[in-house]
Amino acid sequence: MHEHREATKNTSNTKERSAAGEYLTFVLGSEEYRLEILKVHEFCGYDAVTQIASTPDFIKGVLNLRGKIVPIVDLLAHQVPS
């Protein structure tokens, strides 16, 4: 998955059209990211997140999505070493 940082600020999730194609644009903190819309499988909401003991703070828990256990990760809190 490729993301592209943009200099402009956007305050909501949008689908944008450009010369190169369509993008899903979203903001984490003060940074804006774009994903090629064809790389996005779906948007889904969720109700209950089950917390897991002894996990890092950026792991918010797991949820059951159509019979599969999916981790919930706070990307804003997760700092990947560069």
C-alpha atoms as a PDB file:
ATOM      1  CA  MET A   1       0.000   0.000   0.000  1.00  0.00           C
ATOM      2  CA  HIS A   2       1.433   3.367  -1.009  1.00  0.00           C
ATOM      3  CA  GLU A   3       0.523   6.563   0.770  1.00  0.00           C
ATOM      4  CA  HIS A   4       1.309  10.086  -0.350  1.00  0.00           C
ATOM      5  CA  ARG A   5       1.602  12.997   2.067  1.00  0.00           C
ATOM      6  CA  GLU A   6       0.115  16.231   0.832  1.00  0.00           C
ATOM      7  CA  ALA A   7       0.801  19.782   2.016  1.00  0.00           C
ATOM      8  CA  THR A   8      -2.873  20.729   2.146  1.00  0.00           C
ATOM      9  CA  LYS A   9      -4.943  20.085   5.239  1.00  0.00           C
ATOM     10  CA  ASN A  10      -8.256  18.270   5.082  1.00  0.00           C
ATOM     11  CA  THR A  11     -10.540  17.818   8.089  1.00  0.00           C
ATOM     12  CA  SER A  12     -12.756  14.956   6.864  1.00  0.00           C
ATOM     13  CA  ASN A  13     -12.513  11.685   4.954  1.00  0.00           C
ATOM     14  CA  THR A  14     -13.012  12.377   1.278  1.00  0.00           C
ATOM     15  CA  LYS A  15     -12.647  10.669  -2.044  1.00  0.00           C
ATOM     16  CA  GLU A  16     -10.720  12.907  -4.416  1.00  0.00           C
ATOM     17  CA  ARG A  17     -10.224  12.757  -8.167  1.00  0.00           C
ATOM     18  CA  SER A  18      -6.928  13.813  -9.750  1.00  0.00           C
ATOM     19  CA  ALA A  19      -5.150  13.388 -13.058  1.00  0.00           C
ATOM     20  CA  ALA A  20      -3.556  10.184 -11.744  1.00  0.00           C
ATOM     21  CA  GLY A  21      -6.840   8.648 -10.478  1.00  0.00           C
ATOM     22  CA  GLU A  22      -9.067   8.598  -7.432  1.00  0.00           C
ATOM     23  CA  TYR A  23      -7.748   8.725  -3.868  1.00  0.00           C
ATOM     24  CA  LEU A  24      -9.093   8.264  -0.369  1.00  0.00           C
ATOM     25  CA  THR A  25      -7.744  11.190   1.667  1.00  0.00           C
ATOM     26  CA  PHE A  26      -7.604  11.148   5.469  1.00  0.00           C
ATOM     27  CA  VAL A  27      -5.884  13.031   8.275  1.00  0.00           C
ATOM     28  CA  LEU A  28      -3.884  11.614  11.187  1.00  0.00           C
ATOM     29  CA  GLY A  29      -2.964  14.373  13.597  1.00  0.00           C
ATOM     30  CA  SER A  30      -1.734  17.250  11.452  1.00  0.00           C
ATOM     31  CA  GLU A  31      -0.672  15.092   8.480  1.00  0.00           C
ATOM     32  CA  GLU A  32      -2.817  14.238   5.469  1.00  0.00           C
ATOM     33  CA  TYR A  33      -2.466  10.942   3.620  1.00  0.00           C
ATOM     34  CA  ARG A  34      -3.819   9.622   0.341  1.00  0.00           C
ATOM     35  CA  LEU A  35      -4.418   6.039  -0.716  1.00  0.00           C
ATOM     36  CA  GLU A  36      -5.261   4.937  -4.207  1.00  0.00           C
ATOM     37  CA  ILE A  37      -8.987   4.198  -4.043  1.00  0.00           C
ATOM     38  CA  LEU A  38      -8.490   0.848  -5.787  1.00  0.00           C
ATOM     39  CA  LYS A  39      -6.347  -0.269  -2.823  1.00  0.00           C
ATOM     40  CA  VAL A  40      -9.219   0.339  -0.368  1.00  0.00           C
ATOM     41  CA  HIS A  41     -11.336  -2.770   0.166  1.00  0.00           C
ATOM     42  CA  GLU A  42     -14.091  -1.333   2.375  1.00  0.00           C
ATOM     43  CA  PHE A  43     -15.105   1.061   5.134  1.00  0.00           C
ATOM     44  CA  CYS A  44     -16.779  -0.499   8.118  1.00  0.00           C
ATOM     45  CA  GLY A  45     -17.968   0.664  11.483  1.00  0.00           C
ATOM     46  CA  TYR A  46     -17.745  -1.366  14.644  1.00  0.00           C
ATOM     47  CA  ASP A  47     -19.428  -1.535  18.041  1.00  0.00           C
ATOM     48  CA  ALA A  48     -17.461  -3.413  20.671  1.00  0.00           C
ATOM     49  CA  VAL A  49     -13.685  -3.604  20.912  1.00  0.00           C
ATOM     50  CA  THR A  50     -12.347  -6.309  23.230  1.00  0.00           C
ATOM     51  CA  GLN A  51      -9.292  -5.066  25.093  1.00  0.00           C
ATOM     52  CA  ILE A  52      -6.322  -7.427  25.411  1.00  0.00           C
ATOM     53  CA  ALA A  53      -4.121  -7.430  28.525  1.00  0.00           C
ATOM     54  CA  SER A  54      -0.367  -6.786  28.267  1.00  0.00           C
ATOM     55  CA  THR A  55      -0.454  -5.201  24.803  1.00  0.00           C
ATOM     56  CA  PRO A  56       1.253  -1.944  23.786  1.00  0.00           C
ATOM     57  CA  ASP A  57      -0.788   1.256  24.201  1.00  0.00           C
ATOM     58  CA  PHE A  58      -1.278   1.624  20.434  1.00  0.00           C
ATOM     59  CA  ILE A  59      -3.142  -1.725  20.301  1.00  0.00           C
ATOM     60  CA  LYS A  60      -6.662  -0.728  21.302  1.00  0.00           C
ATOM     61  CA  GLY A  61      -7.989  -4.275  21.227  1.00  0.00           C
ATOM     62  CA  VAL A  62      -9.603  -6.684  18.781  1.00  0.00           C
ATOM     63  CA  LEU A  63     -13.005  -7.094  17.201  1.00  0.00           C
ATOM     64  CA  ASN A  64     -14.858  -9.844  15.426  1.00  0.00           C
ATOM     65  CA  LEU A  65     -15.403  -8.852  11.796  1.00  0.00           C
ATOM     66  CA  ARG A  66     -17.497 -11.464   9.990  1.00  0.00           C
ATOM     67  CA  GLY A  67     -15.959 -14.289  12.027  1.00  0.00           C
ATOM     68  CA  LYS A  68     -12.360 -13.065  11.824  1.00  0.00           C
ATOM     69  CA  ILE A  69     -10.480 -11.493  14.732  1.00  0.00           C
ATOM     70  CA  VAL A  70      -9.096  -8.114  13.628  1.00  0.00           C
ATOM     71  CA  PRO A  71      -6.667  -5.994  15.693  1.00  0.00           C
ATOM     72  CA  ILE A  72      -7.510  -2.325  16.228  1.00  0.00           C
ATOM     73  CA  VAL A  73      -4.345  -0.216  15.985  1.00  0.00           C
ATOM     74  CA  ASP A  74      -4.136   3.493  16.824  1.00  0.00           C
ATOM     75  CA  LEU A  75      -1.901   4.699  13.968  1.00  0.00           C
ATOM     76  CA  LEU A  76      -1.535   8.125  15.521  1.00  0.00           C
ATOM     77  CA  ALA A  77      -0.130   6.618  18.733  1.00  0.00           C
ATOM     78  CA  HIS A  78       2.070   4.046  16.948  1.00  0.00           C
ATOM     79  CA  GLN A  79       5.497   5.464  16.139  1.00  0.00           C
ATOM     80  CA  VAL A  80       7.450   3.332  13.680  1.00  0.00           C
ATOM     81  CA  PRO A  81      11.225   3.767  14.037  1.00  0.00           C
ATOM     82  CA  SER A  82      12.734   5.390  10.955  1.00  0.00           C
END
